[in-house]
């Protein structure tokens, strides 16, 4: 299934990323809210429009090189578009992680997953 026709659509409300289309590299569904374990976080480091998260705080776990406990964080989105009690649930921007170690990512619904997009 086509997720988006172009980058602008990918970062708009018209993209087709959801629990049914957010598949892993083997074409399997990624566990989301209500599944065990919840792994719905997508590591992005971006705002909803796809641009880099602003500010001095680390939003990319030291440019995706850190897995240190208690150091940095990453901006994540939710592939199933649910879970943030503040109502912000975009595939590319929902919240930050409480650190970069695998245990920190797992604690808030992640597994350190990145999504890749192919252009035809």
N, C-alpha and C. Protein backbone atom coordinates (compact mmCIF):
# COMPACT_ATOMS: atom_id res chain seq x y z
N UNK A 1 0.84 -1.18 0.00
CA UNK A 1 0.00 0.00 0.00
C UNK A 1 0.88 1.24 0.00
N UNK A 2 0.50 2.22 -0.77
CA UNK A 2 1.24 3.48 -0.79
C UNK A 2 0.87 4.28 0.45
N UNK A 3 1.91 4.71 1.16
CA UNK A 3 1.74 5.50 2.38
C UNK A 3 1.47 6.96 2.06
N UNK A 4 2.18 7.48 1.08
CA UNK A 4 2.03 8.88 0.67
C UNK A 4 2.56 9.04 -0.74
N UNK A 5 2.02 10.00 -1.47
CA UNK A 5 2.44 10.25 -2.85
C UNK A 5 3.71 11.08 -2.92
N UNK A 6 4.01 11.83 -1.85
CA UNK A 6 5.19 12.69 -1.83
C UNK A 6 5.52 13.06 -0.38
N UNK A 7 6.61 13.77 -0.19
CA UNK A 7 7.05 14.12 1.16
C UNK A 7 6.03 15.00 1.86
N UNK A 8 5.44 15.94 1.15
CA UNK A 8 4.44 16.81 1.77
C UNK A 8 3.26 16.01 2.31
N UNK A 9 2.79 15.03 1.52
CA UNK A 9 1.68 14.20 1.98
C UNK A 9 2.10 13.30 3.14
N UNK A 10 3.33 12.82 3.11
CA UNK A 10 3.85 11.98 4.19
C UNK A 10 3.75 12.69 5.53
N UNK A 11 4.01 13.98 5.53
CA UNK A 11 3.99 14.77 6.77
C UNK A 11 2.70 15.55 6.95
N UNK A 12 1.64 15.11 6.28
CA UNK A 12 0.33 15.75 6.43
C UNK A 12 -0.65 14.78 7.08
N UNK A 13 -1.85 15.23 7.31
CA UNK A 13 -2.89 14.36 7.86
C UNK A 13 -3.40 13.35 6.83
N UNK A 14 -2.94 13.45 5.59
CA UNK A 14 -3.41 12.55 4.53
C UNK A 14 -2.54 11.31 4.34
N UNK A 15 -1.48 11.15 5.13
CA UNK A 15 -0.65 9.94 4.99
C UNK A 15 -1.46 8.73 5.44
N UNK A 16 -0.99 7.56 5.05
CA UNK A 16 -1.71 6.31 5.34
C UNK A 16 -0.98 5.44 6.35
N UNK A 17 -0.23 6.06 7.26
CA UNK A 17 0.46 5.28 8.29
C UNK A 17 -0.50 5.02 9.43
N UNK A 18 -0.67 3.74 9.75
CA UNK A 18 -1.50 3.34 10.87
C UNK A 18 -1.08 1.93 11.29
N UNK A 19 -1.78 1.35 12.22
CA UNK A 19 -1.38 0.04 12.73
C UNK A 19 -1.41 -1.04 11.64
N UNK A 20 -2.30 -0.93 10.69
CA UNK A 20 -2.39 -1.92 9.63
C UNK A 20 -1.31 -1.75 8.55
N UNK A 21 -0.82 -0.52 8.35
CA UNK A 21 0.16 -0.28 7.29
C UNK A 21 1.58 -0.08 7.80
N UNK A 22 1.74 0.15 9.09
CA UNK A 22 3.07 0.34 9.69
C UNK A 22 3.72 -1.00 9.94
N UNK A 23 4.27 -1.60 8.90
CA UNK A 23 4.80 -2.96 8.97
C UNK A 23 6.30 -2.98 9.18
N UNK A 24 6.81 -4.11 9.69
CA UNK A 24 8.25 -4.24 9.84
C UNK A 24 8.88 -4.71 8.52
N UNK A 25 10.18 -4.93 8.54
CA UNK A 25 10.91 -5.28 7.33
C UNK A 25 10.50 -6.64 6.75
N UNK A 26 9.76 -7.42 7.54
CA UNK A 26 9.29 -8.73 7.06
C UNK A 26 7.81 -8.69 6.68
N UNK A 27 7.22 -7.49 6.68
CA UNK A 27 5.82 -7.35 6.33
C UNK A 27 4.86 -7.69 7.44
N UNK A 28 5.37 -7.80 8.66
CA UNK A 28 4.54 -8.14 9.81
C UNK A 28 4.10 -6.86 10.54
N UNK A 29 2.94 -6.93 11.16
CA UNK A 29 2.44 -5.80 11.93
C UNK A 29 3.35 -5.54 13.14
N UNK A 30 3.58 -4.28 13.43
CA UNK A 30 4.34 -3.88 14.61
C UNK A 30 3.37 -3.78 15.77
N UNK A 31 3.75 -4.33 16.91
CA UNK A 31 2.86 -4.31 18.08
C UNK A 31 2.62 -2.88 18.52
N UNK A 32 1.35 -2.56 18.74
CA UNK A 32 0.97 -1.22 19.15
C UNK A 32 0.28 -1.22 20.50
N UNK A 33 -0.39 -0.13 20.78
CA UNK A 33 -1.12 0.03 22.03
C UNK A 33 -2.11 -1.12 22.19
N UNK A 34 -2.10 -1.80 23.32
CA UNK A 34 -2.97 -2.93 23.57
C UNK A 34 -2.31 -4.27 23.29
N UNK A 35 -1.17 -4.26 22.59
CA UNK A 35 -0.41 -5.49 22.33
C UNK A 35 0.71 -5.61 23.36
N UNK A 36 1.25 -6.81 23.52
CA UNK A 36 2.36 -7.03 24.44
C UNK A 36 3.55 -7.57 23.68
N UNK A 37 4.69 -6.89 23.74
CA UNK A 37 4.87 -5.56 24.31
C UNK A 37 4.43 -4.48 23.32
N UNK A 38 4.04 -3.34 23.84
CA UNK A 38 3.73 -2.18 23.00
C UNK A 38 5.03 -1.67 22.41
N UNK A 39 5.11 -1.59 21.10
CA UNK A 39 6.30 -1.10 20.42
C UNK A 39 5.93 -0.05 19.38
N UNK A 40 4.93 0.79 19.69
CA UNK A 40 4.41 1.70 18.69
C UNK A 40 5.26 2.94 18.44
N UNK A 41 6.26 3.20 19.25
CA UNK A 41 7.09 4.39 19.04
C UNK A 41 7.96 4.25 17.79
N UNK A 42 7.95 5.29 16.97
CA UNK A 42 8.81 5.39 15.79
C UNK A 42 9.82 6.49 16.09
N UNK A 43 11.08 6.16 16.09
CA UNK A 43 12.12 7.16 16.36
C UNK A 43 12.27 8.08 15.15
N UNK A 44 12.04 9.38 15.35
CA UNK A 44 12.13 10.33 14.22
C UNK A 44 13.05 11.51 14.51
N UNK A 45 12.97 12.10 15.69
CA UNK A 45 13.73 13.31 15.98
C UNK A 45 13.16 14.54 15.31
N UNK A 46 11.90 14.45 14.85
CA UNK A 46 11.31 15.56 14.10
C UNK A 46 10.05 16.11 14.73
N UNK A 47 9.63 17.23 14.17
CA UNK A 47 8.32 17.80 14.46
C UNK A 47 7.31 17.14 13.52
N UNK A 48 6.04 17.50 13.67
CA UNK A 48 4.99 16.91 12.84
C UNK A 48 5.22 17.18 11.35
N UNK A 49 5.81 18.32 11.01
CA UNK A 49 6.01 18.64 9.59
C UNK A 49 7.26 18.00 9.00
N UNK A 50 7.98 17.19 9.79
CA UNK A 50 9.15 16.48 9.30
C UNK A 50 10.46 17.23 9.45
N UNK A 51 10.41 18.45 9.93
CA UNK A 51 11.65 19.21 10.14
C UNK A 51 12.24 18.85 11.50
N UNK A 52 13.52 19.11 11.66
CA UNK A 52 14.21 18.78 12.91
C UNK A 52 13.54 19.44 14.10
N UNK A 53 13.49 18.72 15.19
CA UNK A 53 12.93 19.26 16.43
C UNK A 53 13.78 20.45 16.88
N UNK A 54 13.15 21.57 17.23
CA UNK A 54 13.91 22.77 17.60
C UNK A 54 14.41 22.71 19.04
N UNK A 55 15.24 23.68 19.36
CA UNK A 55 15.69 23.84 20.73
C UNK A 55 17.03 23.20 21.01
N UNK A 56 17.50 23.46 22.21
CA UNK A 56 18.83 22.97 22.61
C UNK A 56 18.79 21.54 23.13
N UNK A 57 17.60 21.04 23.47
CA UNK A 57 17.51 19.68 23.99
C UNK A 57 17.80 18.66 22.90
N UNK A 58 18.46 17.58 23.26
CA UNK A 58 18.79 16.51 22.32
C UNK A 58 17.51 15.76 21.95
N UNK A 59 17.16 15.76 20.67
CA UNK A 59 15.97 15.06 20.20
C UNK A 59 16.33 13.86 19.33
N UNK A 60 17.63 13.55 19.24
CA UNK A 60 18.08 12.47 18.35
C UNK A 60 19.10 11.54 19.01
N UNK A 61 19.07 11.42 20.32
CA UNK A 61 20.03 10.54 21.03
C UNK A 61 21.44 10.73 20.47
N UNK A 62 21.90 11.98 20.52
CA UNK A 62 23.24 12.34 20.04
C UNK A 62 23.46 11.93 18.59
N UNK A 63 22.53 12.38 17.74
CA UNK A 63 22.59 12.08 16.31
C UNK A 63 22.59 10.58 16.05
N UNK A 64 21.75 9.86 16.82
CA UNK A 64 21.53 8.42 16.70
C UNK A 64 22.77 7.59 17.01
N UNK A 65 23.65 8.13 17.87
CA UNK A 65 24.85 7.38 18.24
C UNK A 65 24.86 6.96 19.70
N UNK A 66 23.90 7.43 20.50
CA UNK A 66 23.92 7.15 21.93
C UNK A 66 22.87 6.11 22.33
N UNK A 67 23.27 5.20 23.18
CA UNK A 67 22.33 4.30 23.84
C UNK A 67 22.61 4.30 25.33
N UNK A 68 23.12 5.45 25.79
CA UNK A 68 23.53 5.61 27.18
C UNK A 68 22.34 5.92 28.06
N UNK A 69 22.28 5.28 29.22
CA UNK A 69 21.23 5.53 30.18
C UNK A 69 21.41 6.91 30.79
N UNK A 70 20.31 7.66 30.86
CA UNK A 70 20.34 8.96 31.50
C UNK A 70 20.94 10.08 30.67
N UNK A 71 21.20 9.83 29.40
CA UNK A 71 21.80 10.87 28.56
C UNK A 71 20.99 11.03 27.28
N UNK A 72 20.52 12.24 27.01
CA UNK A 72 19.78 12.53 25.78
C UNK A 72 18.38 11.95 25.76
N UNK A 73 17.74 12.16 24.64
CA UNK A 73 16.40 11.63 24.40
C UNK A 73 16.15 11.65 22.90
N UNK A 74 15.02 11.09 22.51
CA UNK A 74 14.64 11.10 21.10
C UNK A 74 13.18 11.47 20.98
N UNK A 75 12.85 12.24 19.96
CA UNK A 75 11.45 12.49 19.64
C UNK A 75 10.95 11.26 18.90
N UNK A 76 9.78 10.78 19.29
CA UNK A 76 9.17 9.62 18.66
C UNK A 76 7.73 9.94 18.27
N UNK A 77 7.23 9.20 17.30
CA UNK A 77 5.83 9.25 16.92
C UNK A 77 5.20 7.90 17.21
N UNK A 78 3.90 7.78 16.94
CA UNK A 78 3.18 6.53 17.19
C UNK A 78 2.60 6.00 15.88
N UNK A 79 3.04 4.83 15.46
CA UNK A 79 2.52 4.28 14.21
C UNK A 79 1.04 3.95 14.29
N UNK A 80 0.53 3.67 15.47
CA UNK A 80 -0.89 3.35 15.62
C UNK A 80 -1.72 4.58 15.98
N UNK A 81 -1.06 5.72 16.10
CA UNK A 81 -1.70 7.03 16.32
C UNK A 81 -2.50 7.13 17.61
N UNK A 82 -2.15 6.31 18.60
CA UNK A 82 -2.83 6.40 19.90
C UNK A 82 -1.80 6.30 21.02
N UNK A 83 -2.20 6.73 22.21
CA UNK A 83 -1.37 6.49 23.38
C UNK A 83 -0.92 7.71 24.16
N UNK A 84 -0.80 8.87 23.53
CA UNK A 84 -0.34 10.03 24.28
C UNK A 84 -1.54 10.68 24.95
N UNK A 85 -1.58 10.71 26.28
CA UNK A 85 -2.74 11.28 26.98
C UNK A 85 -2.94 12.77 26.74
N UNK A 86 -1.92 13.44 26.19
CA UNK A 86 -2.06 14.86 25.88
C UNK A 86 -2.69 15.08 24.51
N UNK A 87 -3.02 13.99 23.81
CA UNK A 87 -3.73 14.11 22.54
C UNK A 87 -2.84 14.27 21.32
N UNK A 88 -1.52 14.35 21.50
CA UNK A 88 -0.62 14.51 20.37
C UNK A 88 -0.19 13.12 19.93
N UNK A 89 -0.70 12.65 18.80
CA UNK A 89 -0.38 11.30 18.34
C UNK A 89 -0.18 11.29 16.83
N UNK A 90 0.91 11.84 16.39
CA UNK A 90 1.25 11.81 14.98
C UNK A 90 2.27 10.69 14.76
N UNK A 91 2.38 10.18 13.56
CA UNK A 91 3.33 9.09 13.30
C UNK A 91 4.76 9.57 13.51
N UNK A 92 5.01 10.86 13.32
CA UNK A 92 6.38 11.36 13.42
C UNK A 92 6.63 12.26 14.61
N UNK A 93 5.62 12.54 15.42
CA UNK A 93 5.82 13.39 16.59
C UNK A 93 4.72 13.14 17.62
N UNK A 94 5.09 12.53 18.73
CA UNK A 94 4.14 12.35 19.84
C UNK A 94 4.74 12.76 21.18
N UNK A 95 6.00 12.38 21.44
CA UNK A 95 6.64 12.73 22.71
C UNK A 95 8.14 12.46 22.62
N UNK A 96 8.85 12.78 23.68
CA UNK A 96 10.27 12.44 23.76
C UNK A 96 10.43 11.22 24.67
N UNK A 97 11.54 10.55 24.52
CA UNK A 97 11.84 9.41 25.37
C UNK A 97 12.55 9.88 26.63
N UNK A 98 12.51 9.10 27.71
CA UNK A 98 13.18 9.49 28.94
C UNK A 98 14.66 9.10 28.96
N UNK A 99 15.26 8.94 27.80
CA UNK A 99 16.66 8.57 27.68
C UNK A 99 16.86 7.77 26.41
N UNK A 100 18.07 7.32 26.18
CA UNK A 100 18.41 6.63 24.93
C UNK A 100 18.74 5.16 25.10
N UNK A 101 18.85 4.68 26.31
CA UNK A 101 19.13 3.26 26.53
C UNK A 101 17.91 2.44 26.12
N UNK A 102 18.12 1.22 25.65
CA UNK A 102 16.99 0.37 25.26
C UNK A 102 15.89 0.29 26.33
N UNK A 103 16.26 0.20 27.59
CA UNK A 103 15.25 0.12 28.66
C UNK A 103 14.40 1.39 28.71
N UNK A 104 15.00 2.56 28.44
CA UNK A 104 14.25 3.81 28.42
C UNK A 104 13.25 3.83 27.28
N UNK A 105 13.66 3.31 26.13
CA UNK A 105 12.77 3.27 24.97
C UNK A 105 11.62 2.30 25.21
N UNK A 106 11.90 1.15 25.78
CA UNK A 106 10.88 0.14 26.04
C UNK A 106 9.87 0.62 27.07
N UNK A 107 10.34 1.38 28.05
CA UNK A 107 9.47 1.84 29.13
C UNK A 107 8.31 2.69 28.63
N UNK A 108 8.49 3.41 27.51
CA UNK A 108 7.45 4.30 27.00
C UNK A 108 6.80 3.79 25.72
N UNK A 109 7.01 2.51 25.37
CA UNK A 109 6.33 1.94 24.20
C UNK A 109 7.17 1.85 22.96
N UNK A 110 8.46 1.69 23.13
CA UNK A 110 9.34 1.62 21.96
C UNK A 110 10.24 0.42 21.96
N UNK A 111 10.89 0.24 20.83
CA UNK A 111 11.86 -0.84 20.67
C UNK A 111 13.07 -0.35 19.89
N UNK A 112 13.18 0.97 19.72
CA UNK A 112 14.27 1.52 18.94
C UNK A 112 14.07 1.35 17.45
N UNK A 113 12.81 1.36 17.00
CA UNK A 113 12.51 1.13 15.60
C UNK A 113 12.55 2.41 14.77
N UNK A 114 13.14 2.30 13.60
CA UNK A 114 13.12 3.36 12.60
C UNK A 114 12.23 2.88 11.45
N UNK A 115 11.64 3.78 10.73
CA UNK A 115 10.87 3.40 9.54
C UNK A 115 11.63 3.87 8.32
N UNK A 116 11.62 3.07 7.28
CA UNK A 116 12.26 3.41 6.01
C UNK A 116 11.20 3.53 4.96
N UNK A 117 11.39 4.46 4.06
CA UNK A 117 10.43 4.67 2.97
C UNK A 117 11.15 4.52 1.64
N UNK A 118 10.54 3.85 0.72
CA UNK A 118 11.10 3.66 -0.62
C UNK A 118 10.32 4.54 -1.59
N UNK A 119 11.03 5.14 -2.51
CA UNK A 119 10.40 5.94 -3.55
C UNK A 119 10.46 5.16 -4.85
N UNK A 120 9.34 5.01 -5.50
CA UNK A 120 9.31 4.31 -6.79
C UNK A 120 9.31 5.32 -7.92
